[in-house]
Amino acid sequence: QMIGAPLMGALADRRGRRPLILLGLVTVTLQYIGYILAPSTLVFILIRGAAGFLSAGLFPAAMGVVADLVPEDQRARWAGIIMGSYAVGMIFGPVIGGVLYDASGYAAPFILSAIVAFLALVAAFFLIPETRTPEIRNREMLRTRHAKPQHVEKTAIWDALPRPIHMFLTLLAIDFVASFSFAFVEPQMVFYFYDVLNWSTTQFGIVVGVYGIFSVAGQMGLGQLSDKWGRKPLIIAGLIPNILFFGGLAVLSDYYIMMVVAAIAGLGTALFNPAANAFYLDITAEEHRSRIIGVKGSFLSLGGVLGPLAVAAVAGLMAPQHVFWIASGLVLAALILGIIFLREPQHAEQTLSTQEQASSQRSLATQASLRNIVAMASAARAERQSQV
């Protein structure tokens, strides 16, 4: 997915959102059937890798549909609903899968997953329209040619990146740190709860559930706040609870206080995710949105891969509390980065309109200059003729 997300996102921008959504759901359906039929571990791994690549465009294309259909002042709200729905699956999927495995064995979770994916495919086929029709893509191409004729032939990733570039890079850095820090803490956190704090599996599950419930409910209920109060304040406000959560892991041992901290951290995620996703959509031109969401997804995946590797390298050299403090410090650094470099986004549509106005003004100025030159030449010629 880390490799495929930008590529599939770019394909969704060029060929339409709907084909990539359907491809992703077909892939997920066949993926779970393939898991059941896989004759060896190697085949299982190959299926998983291929499925990750081919389904990587599902989320970028879905977010592209949201951006295409939803007004600018409601983007964070609907991004929060999409992310909240995703989180519901991440929370309850493992629970249902565990129950099915205990009751019916290895194949049952995969069978149910394939059925659910197929139902989602059928629903998408009949209910999701194509929001980037050929007519829309052709109109955007003509508009871009009018606004920036010298760049019409360029299709490189650099030309698709949002501007100003420093704000886009800041968003990517913040997303990477958020993903990396959680992945860095998670393996150590599990052993810390069980071995140091002597929690039961039920206690651990309740804390994780509290975090998840507040995250899901918050994203669905609070996602629209950045539409009213701005993207940057909600991104900054969403990072602060994560700093407190990781720091709390290092200093707290009381179970009930930890539940409260987990709930606050869940609300932080609920504030951060919709605002960050809407920020990306705000600063990205319509014809590049899925590609940029794919790039964002790649950075999140990279953080999720490097975090566990990093903690594996340092866990034997320090106490668990030091790992938690490092994660807290990383998120604090990301917060400072956001305070310094992020500004409230100027919508890409407004930027393009400004470019078109500037182009029109340059054209009018050129025409006026040519008229003045012609008038001066005519006057000079008339003067010479009168002298003759």
Protein backbone atom coordinates (compact mmCIF):
# COMPACT_ATOMS: atom_id res chain seq x y z
CA GLN A 1 0.00 0.00 0.00
CA MET A 2 2.86 2.38 0.72
CA ILE A 3 4.08 1.92 -2.86
CA GLY A 4 0.70 1.65 -4.53
CA ALA A 5 -1.24 4.50 -2.88
CA PRO A 6 0.28 7.42 -4.87
CA LEU A 7 0.14 5.46 -8.13
CA MET A 8 -3.45 4.36 -7.67
CA GLY A 9 -4.42 7.83 -6.44
CA ALA A 10 -2.98 9.37 -9.61
CA LEU A 11 -4.90 6.82 -11.67
CA ALA A 12 -8.11 7.82 -9.89
CA ASP A 13 -7.44 11.44 -10.85
CA ARG A 14 -6.86 10.55 -14.51
CA ARG A 15 -9.44 7.81 -15.06
CA GLY A 16 -12.08 8.52 -12.43
CA ARG A 17 -12.80 7.65 -8.79
CA ARG A 18 -15.40 4.93 -9.32
CA PRO A 19 -13.16 2.38 -11.15
CA LEU A 20 -10.56 2.52 -8.36
CA ILE A 21 -13.20 2.10 -5.66
CA LEU A 22 -14.65 -0.93 -7.45
CA LEU A 23 -11.17 -2.36 -8.10
CA GLY A 24 -10.30 -2.00 -4.42
CA LEU A 25 -13.45 -3.77 -3.26
CA VAL A 26 -13.07 -6.58 -5.82
CA THR A 27 -9.49 -7.02 -4.62
CA VAL A 28 -10.51 -7.14 -0.96
CA THR A 29 -13.22 -9.72 -1.72
CA LEU A 30 -10.84 -11.98 -3.64
CA GLN A 31 -8.13 -11.42 -1.04
CA TYR A 32 -10.09 -13.12 1.74
CA ILE A 33 -11.11 -15.98 -0.53
CA GLY A 34 -7.45 -16.37 -1.47
CA TYR A 35 -6.44 -16.56 2.19
CA ILE A 36 -8.70 -19.58 2.65
CA LEU A 37 -7.39 -21.34 -0.44
CA ALA A 38 -3.69 -20.48 -0.05
CA PRO A 39 -1.69 -23.74 0.00
CA SER A 40 1.41 -22.29 1.67
CA THR A 41 2.72 -19.36 3.68
CA LEU A 42 4.53 -17.98 0.63
CA VAL A 43 1.33 -17.90 -1.42
CA PHE A 44 -0.47 -16.27 1.53
CA ILE A 45 2.19 -13.53 1.67
CA LEU A 46 2.07 -12.98 -2.10
CA ILE A 47 -1.72 -12.65 -2.00
CA ARG A 48 -1.45 -10.14 0.83
CA GLY A 49 1.17 -8.07 -1.03
CA ALA A 50 -0.79 -8.03 -4.29
CA ALA A 51 -3.99 -7.13 -2.45
CA GLY A 52 -2.25 -4.28 -0.64
CA PHE A 53 -1.06 -2.80 -3.93
CA LEU A 54 -4.30 -3.22 -5.88
CA SER A 55 -6.54 -1.95 -3.07
CA ALA A 56 -4.29 1.02 -2.26
CA GLY A 57 -6.45 3.36 -4.33
CA LEU A 58 -9.63 2.66 -2.36
CA PHE A 59 -9.17 5.29 0.35
CA PRO A 60 -7.67 8.03 -1.89
CA ALA A 61 -10.49 7.56 -4.40
CA ALA A 62 -13.13 7.60 -1.64
CA MET A 63 -11.73 10.82 -0.21
CA GLY A 64 -11.67 12.22 -3.73
CA VAL A 65 -15.40 11.51 -4.05
CA VAL A 66 -15.99 13.33 -0.76
CA ALA A 67 -14.03 16.35 -1.99
CA ASP A 68 -15.84 16.33 -5.34
CA LEU A 69 -19.35 16.17 -3.87
CA VAL A 70 -19.10 18.09 -0.60
CA PRO A 71 -18.87 21.91 -0.33
CA GLU A 72 -15.62 23.30 1.02
CA ASP A 73 -17.20 24.35 4.30
CA GLN A 74 -18.32 20.77 5.05
CA ARG A 75 -15.23 18.79 4.02
CA ALA A 76 -13.91 18.12 7.52
CA ARG A 77 -17.35 16.97 8.68
CA TRP A 78 -17.65 14.32 5.98
CA ALA A 79 -13.98 13.38 6.17
CA GLY A 80 -14.63 12.73 9.87
CA ILE A 81 -17.60 10.50 9.04
CA ILE A 82 -15.50 8.50 6.56
CA MET A 83 -12.62 8.15 9.03
CA GLY A 84 -15.02 7.28 11.83
CA SER A 85 -16.57 4.51 9.75
CA TYR A 86 -13.10 3.20 9.00
CA ALA A 87 -12.28 3.23 12.71
CA VAL A 88 -15.47 1.28 13.52
CA GLY A 89 -14.23 -1.55 11.32
CA MET A 90 -10.77 -1.43 12.87
CA ILE A 91 -12.22 -1.66 16.38
CA PHE A 92 -14.99 -4.22 16.00
CA GLY A 93 -13.44 -6.30 13.22
CA PRO A 94 -10.83 -7.97 15.46
CA VAL A 95 -13.45 -8.60 18.15
CA ILE A 96 -15.86 -10.32 15.76
CA GLY A 97 -12.99 -12.16 14.09
CA GLY A 98 -11.77 -13.49 17.42
CA VAL A 99 -15.23 -14.72 18.38
CA LEU A 100 -15.67 -16.45 15.02
CA TYR A 101 -12.24 -18.06 15.23
CA ASP A 102 -12.94 -19.45 18.70
CA ALA A 103 -16.36 -20.72 17.63
CA SER A 104 -15.77 -22.00 14.10
CA GLY A 105 -12.07 -22.07 13.31
CA TYR A 106 -9.62 -20.49 10.93
CA ALA A 107 -11.79 -20.00 7.84
CA ALA A 108 -14.83 -18.35 9.45
CA PRO A 109 -13.40 -14.80 9.84
CA PHE A 110 -12.20 -14.82 6.22
CA ILE A 111 -15.57 -16.04 4.92
CA LEU A 112 -17.44 -13.29 6.77
CA SER A 113 -14.91 -10.68 5.60
CA ALA A 114 -15.34 -11.80 1.98
CA ILE A 115 -19.13 -11.59 2.29
CA VAL A 116 -18.99 -8.10 3.82
CA ALA A 117 -16.54 -6.92 1.14
CA PHE A 118 -18.78 -8.32 -1.60
CA LEU A 119 -21.83 -6.52 -0.15
CA ALA A 120 -19.80 -3.30 -0.09
CA LEU A 121 -18.86 -3.93 -3.74
CA VAL A 122 -22.51 -4.36 -4.73
CA ALA A 123 -23.50 -1.22 -2.82
CA ALA A 124 -20.69 0.79 -4.43
CA PHE A 125 -21.58 -0.47 -7.90
CA PHE A 126 -25.18 0.74 -7.64
CA LEU A 127 -24.87 3.76 -5.34
CA ILE A 128 -21.54 5.52 -6.00
CA PRO A 129 -21.52 7.76 -9.09
CA GLU A 130 -18.48 8.81 -11.07
CA THR A 131 -17.64 12.30 -9.84
CA ARG A 132 -14.79 12.89 -12.30
CA THR A 133 -16.49 12.27 -15.60
CA PRO A 134 -14.60 12.69 -18.91
CA GLU A 135 -16.38 16.01 -19.40
CA ILE A 136 -15.09 17.32 -16.07
CA ARG A 137 -11.56 16.11 -16.76
CA ASN A 138 -11.54 17.71 -20.23
CA ARG A 139 -12.89 20.98 -18.85
CA GLU A 140 -10.17 21.06 -16.18
CA MET A 141 -7.51 20.36 -18.81
CA LEU A 142 -8.73 23.31 -20.90
CA ARG A 143 -8.89 25.53 -17.83
CA THR A 144 -5.35 24.58 -16.83
CA ARG A 145 -4.13 25.19 -20.38
CA HIS A 146 -5.65 28.67 -20.28
CA ALA A 147 -4.20 29.50 -16.85
CA LYS A 148 -0.74 27.92 -17.31
CA PRO A 149 -0.08 27.24 -20.99
CA GLN A 150 3.61 26.68 -20.45
CA HIS A 151 2.96 23.64 -18.19
CA VAL A 152 0.26 21.81 -20.14
CA GLU A 153 2.46 18.90 -21.11
CA LYS A 154 3.84 18.25 -17.64
CA THR A 155 2.33 15.43 -15.59
CA ALA A 156 5.15 14.84 -13.09
CA ILE A 157 4.38 14.45 -9.42
CA TRP A 158 6.12 17.75 -8.67
CA ASP A 159 3.53 19.64 -10.73
CA ALA A 160 0.70 17.95 -8.82
CA LEU A 161 1.98 18.89 -5.36
CA PRO A 162 -0.09 21.44 -3.43
CA ARG A 163 1.20 24.95 -2.99
CA PRO A 164 2.70 26.44 -0.91
CA ILE A 165 4.96 23.43 -0.85
CA HIS A 166 6.26 24.04 2.68
CA MET A 167 2.78 23.64 4.16
CA PHE A 168 2.25 20.38 2.28
CA LEU A 169 5.60 19.05 3.52
CA THR A 170 4.72 20.15 7.05
CA LEU A 171 1.45 18.20 6.89
CA LEU A 172 3.30 15.11 5.65
CA ALA A 173 5.85 15.44 8.44
CA ILE A 174 3.13 15.76 11.09
CA ASP A 175 1.24 12.76 9.70
CA PHE A 176 4.43 10.71 9.59
CA VAL A 177 5.30 11.56 13.20
CA ALA A 178 1.76 10.77 14.38
CA SER A 179 1.87 7.37 12.68
CA PHE A 180 5.47 6.62 13.66
CA SER A 181 5.05 7.57 17.33
CA PHE A 182 2.01 5.34 17.85
CA ALA A 183 3.65 2.42 16.03
CA PHE A 184 6.80 3.07 18.07
CA VAL A 185 4.91 2.89 21.37
CA GLU A 186 2.38 0.16 20.67
CA PRO A 187 4.60 -2.97 20.92
CA GLN A 188 6.23 -1.74 24.13
CA MET A 189 2.90 -0.57 25.56
CA VAL A 190 1.36 -4.05 25.41
CA PHE A 191 4.18 -5.67 27.38
CA TYR A 192 4.27 -2.73 29.79
CA PHE A 193 0.59 -3.11 30.65
CA TYR A 194 0.84 -6.86 31.16
CA ASP A 195 4.30 -7.28 32.72
CA VAL A 196 4.80 -4.05 34.69
CA LEU A 197 1.28 -2.89 35.57
CA ASN A 198 -0.07 -6.47 35.77
CA TRP A 199 -3.22 -5.69 33.85
CA SER A 200 -5.55 -8.42 32.69
CA THR A 201 -6.53 -8.81 29.05
CA THR A 202 -9.97 -7.46 29.96
CA GLN A 203 -8.49 -4.30 31.46
CA PHE A 204 -6.31 -3.78 28.41
CA GLY A 205 -9.25 -4.36 26.08
CA ILE A 206 -11.40 -1.85 27.95
CA VAL A 207 -8.76 0.89 27.72
CA VAL A 208 -8.30 0.26 24.00
CA GLY A 209 -12.08 0.20 23.57
CA VAL A 210 -12.49 3.51 25.40
CA TYR A 211 -9.89 5.09 23.11
CA GLY A 212 -11.61 3.67 20.05
CA ILE A 213 -15.13 4.67 21.06
CA PHE A 214 -14.15 8.27 21.78
CA SER A 215 -12.16 8.40 18.55
CA VAL A 216 -15.04 7.07 16.43
CA ALA A 217 -17.78 9.10 18.09
CA GLY A 218 -15.59 12.19 18.10
CA GLN A 219 -14.73 12.00 14.41
CA MET A 220 -18.37 11.57 13.46
CA GLY A 221 -19.62 14.24 15.85
CA LEU A 222 -16.77 16.77 16.01
CA GLY A 223 -15.32 16.47 12.51
CA GLN A 224 -17.09 19.62 11.36
CA LEU A 225 -15.36 21.84 13.95
CA SER A 226 -12.47 22.71 11.66
CA ASP A 227 -15.00 23.82 9.02
CA LYS A 228 -16.03 26.53 11.51
CA TRP A 229 -12.86 27.27 13.47
CA GLY A 230 -10.15 26.57 10.92
CA ARG A 231 -7.91 23.63 10.10
CA LYS A 232 -4.74 24.67 11.93
CA PRO A 233 -6.28 25.18 15.42
CA LEU A 234 -7.91 21.74 15.30
CA ILE A 235 -4.72 20.04 14.10
CA ILE A 236 -2.76 21.62 16.94
CA ALA A 237 -5.50 20.85 19.47
CA GLY A 238 -5.61 17.24 18.28
CA LEU A 239 -1.88 16.72 18.81
CA ILE A 240 -1.86 17.92 22.43
CA PRO A 241 -3.83 14.92 23.84
CA ASN A 242 -1.40 12.52 22.19
CA ILE A 243 1.49 14.26 23.92
CA LEU A 244 -0.36 13.83 27.21
CA PHE A 245 -1.25 10.21 26.42
CA PHE A 246 2.33 9.11 25.73
CA GLY A 247 3.58 11.10 28.71
CA GLY A 248 0.83 9.60 30.84
CA LEU A 249 1.99 6.11 29.94
CA ALA A 250 5.36 6.98 31.43
CA VAL A 251 4.15 8.37 34.76
CA LEU A 252 0.69 6.93 35.47
CA SER A 253 -0.19 3.56 36.93
CA ASP A 254 -3.76 4.05 38.16
CA TYR A 255 -6.13 2.14 35.89
CA TYR A 256 -9.05 4.57 36.02
CA ILE A 257 -6.90 7.62 35.38
CA MET A 258 -5.42 5.79 32.41
CA MET A 259 -8.93 5.25 31.07
CA VAL A 260 -9.56 8.99 31.25
CA VAL A 261 -6.28 9.72 29.47
CA ALA A 262 -7.17 7.18 26.77
CA ALA A 263 -10.55 8.87 26.27
CA ILE A 264 -8.88 12.27 25.91
CA ALA A 265 -6.39 10.81 23.42
CA GLY A 266 -9.30 9.39 21.41
CA LEU A 267 -10.87 12.84 21.27
CA GLY A 268 -7.52 14.23 20.13
CA THR A 269 -7.50 11.80 17.22
CA ALA A 270 -11.09 12.82 16.47
CA LEU A 271 -10.04 16.46 16.21
CA PHE A 272 -6.84 15.83 14.26
CA ASN A 273 -7.84 13.41 11.50
CA PRO A 274 -10.76 15.27 9.88
CA ALA A 275 -8.94 18.61 10.02
CA ALA A 276 -5.76 17.17 8.50
CA ASN A 277 -7.62 15.37 5.71
CA ALA A 278 -9.64 18.49 4.90
CA PHE A 279 -6.42 20.56 4.89
CA TYR A 280 -4.95 18.31 2.19
CA LEU A 281 -8.12 18.60 0.12
CA ASP A 282 -8.26 22.38 0.56
CA ILE A 283 -4.77 23.04 -0.82
CA THR A 284 -4.87 20.45 -3.62
CA ALA A 285 -6.27 21.08 -7.09
CA GLU A 286 -9.31 18.96 -7.91
CA GLU A 287 -7.51 16.99 -10.62
CA HIS A 288 -4.78 15.83 -8.19
CA ARG A 289 -6.68 15.11 -4.96
CA SER A 290 -6.63 11.32 -5.03
CA ARG A 291 -2.93 11.29 -5.88
CA ILE A 292 -2.10 13.57 -2.95
CA ILE A 293 -4.24 11.55 -0.53
CA GLY A 294 -2.28 8.54 -1.80
CA VAL A 295 1.00 10.29 -1.00
CA LYS A 296 -0.34 11.04 2.48
CA GLY A 297 -1.26 7.37 2.88
CA SER A 298 2.26 6.33 1.88
CA PHE A 299 3.77 8.50 4.61
CA LEU A 300 1.35 7.05 7.16
CA SER A 301 2.29 3.53 6.05
CA LEU A 302 5.99 4.39 6.21
CA GLY A 303 5.57 5.59 9.79
CA GLY A 304 3.67 2.41 10.64
CA VAL A 305 6.51 0.30 9.23
CA LEU A 306 9.45 2.20 10.73
CA GLY A 307 7.93 2.64 14.21
CA PRO A 308 8.04 -1.04 15.26
CA LEU A 309 11.49 -1.44 13.71
CA ALA A 310 12.77 1.52 15.70
CA VAL A 311 11.37 0.30 19.02
CA ALA A 312 12.81 -3.15 18.36
CA ALA A 313 16.22 -1.52 17.96
CA VAL A 314 16.08 0.53 21.17
CA ALA A 315 13.83 -1.48 23.52
CA GLY A 316 16.73 -3.45 24.94
CA LEU A 317 18.69 -0.27 25.66
CA MET A 318 16.15 1.65 27.76
CA ALA A 319 13.20 1.32 30.11
CA PRO A 320 9.66 1.35 28.68
CA GLN A 321 9.04 4.77 30.19
CA HIS A 322 11.85 6.21 28.08
CA VAL A 323 10.18 4.87 24.93
CA PHE A 324 6.97 6.65 25.92
CA TRP A 325 8.82 9.91 26.59
CA ILE A 326 10.52 9.73 23.19
CA ALA A 327 7.14 9.35 21.49
CA SER A 328 5.74 12.26 23.49
CA GLY A 329 8.72 14.39 22.49
CA LEU A 330 8.30 13.52 18.82
CA VAL A 331 4.66 14.60 18.83
CA LEU A 332 5.64 17.79 20.68
CA ALA A 333 8.16 18.51 17.91
CA ALA A 334 5.43 17.94 15.31
CA LEU A 335 3.16 20.33 17.19
CA ILE A 336 5.85 23.04 17.20
CA LEU A 337 6.43 22.43 13.49
CA GLY A 338 2.73 22.93 12.83
CA ILE A 339 2.56 26.13 14.88
CA ILE A 340 5.49 27.62 12.96
CA PHE A 341 4.78 26.57 9.38
CA LEU A 342 1.05 25.91 9.00
CA ARG A 343 -1.28 28.70 7.92
CA GLU A 344 -4.97 28.52 7.24
CA PRO A 345 -5.24 27.06 3.74
CA GLN A 346 -6.15 29.05 0.66
CA HIS A 347 -8.38 26.74 -1.33
CA ALA A 348 -6.84 25.45 -4.53
CA GLU A 349 -9.93 26.54 -6.43
CA GLN A 350 -9.38 30.10 -5.25
CA THR A 351 -5.71 29.89 -6.21
CA LEU A 352 -6.59 28.68 -9.69
CA SER A 353 -9.19 31.43 -10.06
CA THR A 354 -6.52 33.95 -9.08
CA GLN A 355 -4.16 32.48 -11.66
CA GLU A 356 -6.87 32.74 -14.32
CA GLN A 357 -7.56 36.35 -13.38
CA ALA A 358 -3.85 37.14 -13.53
CA SER A 359 -3.60 35.46 -16.93
CA SER A 360 -6.59 37.45 -18.18
CA GLN A 361 -5.11 40.67 -16.84
CA ARG A 362 -1.78 39.94 -18.56
CA SER A 363 -3.63 39.26 -21.81
CA LEU A 364 -5.56 42.52 -21.57
CA ALA A 365 -2.38 44.43 -20.74
CA THR A 366 -0.63 42.90 -23.75
CA GLN A 367 -3.53 43.82 -26.01
CA ALA A 368 -3.52 47.39 -24.69
CA SER A 369 0.23 47.68 -25.27
CA LEU A 370 -0.15 46.42 -28.84
CA ARG A 371 -2.93 48.91 -29.49
CA ASN A 372 -0.75 51.73 -28.17
CA ILE A 373 2.14 50.64 -30.38
CA VAL A 374 -0.12 50.51 -33.44
CA ALA A 375 -1.59 53.91 -32.62
CA MET A 376 1.86 55.45 -32.18
CA ALA A 377 3.06 53.93 -35.46
CA SER A 378 -0.01 55.23 -37.28
CA ALA A 379 0.48 58.70 -35.84
CA ALA A 380 4.15 58.73 -36.85
CA ARG A 381 3.30 57.58 -40.39
CA ALA A 382 0.63 60.26 -40.73
CA GLU A 383 3.07 62.91 -39.53
CA ARG A 384 5.69 61.87 -42.11
CA GLN A 385 3.11 61.93 -44.89
CA SER A 386 2.00 65.43 -43.90
CA GLN A 387 5.59 66.64 -43.96
CA VAL A 388 6.08 65.20 -47.46
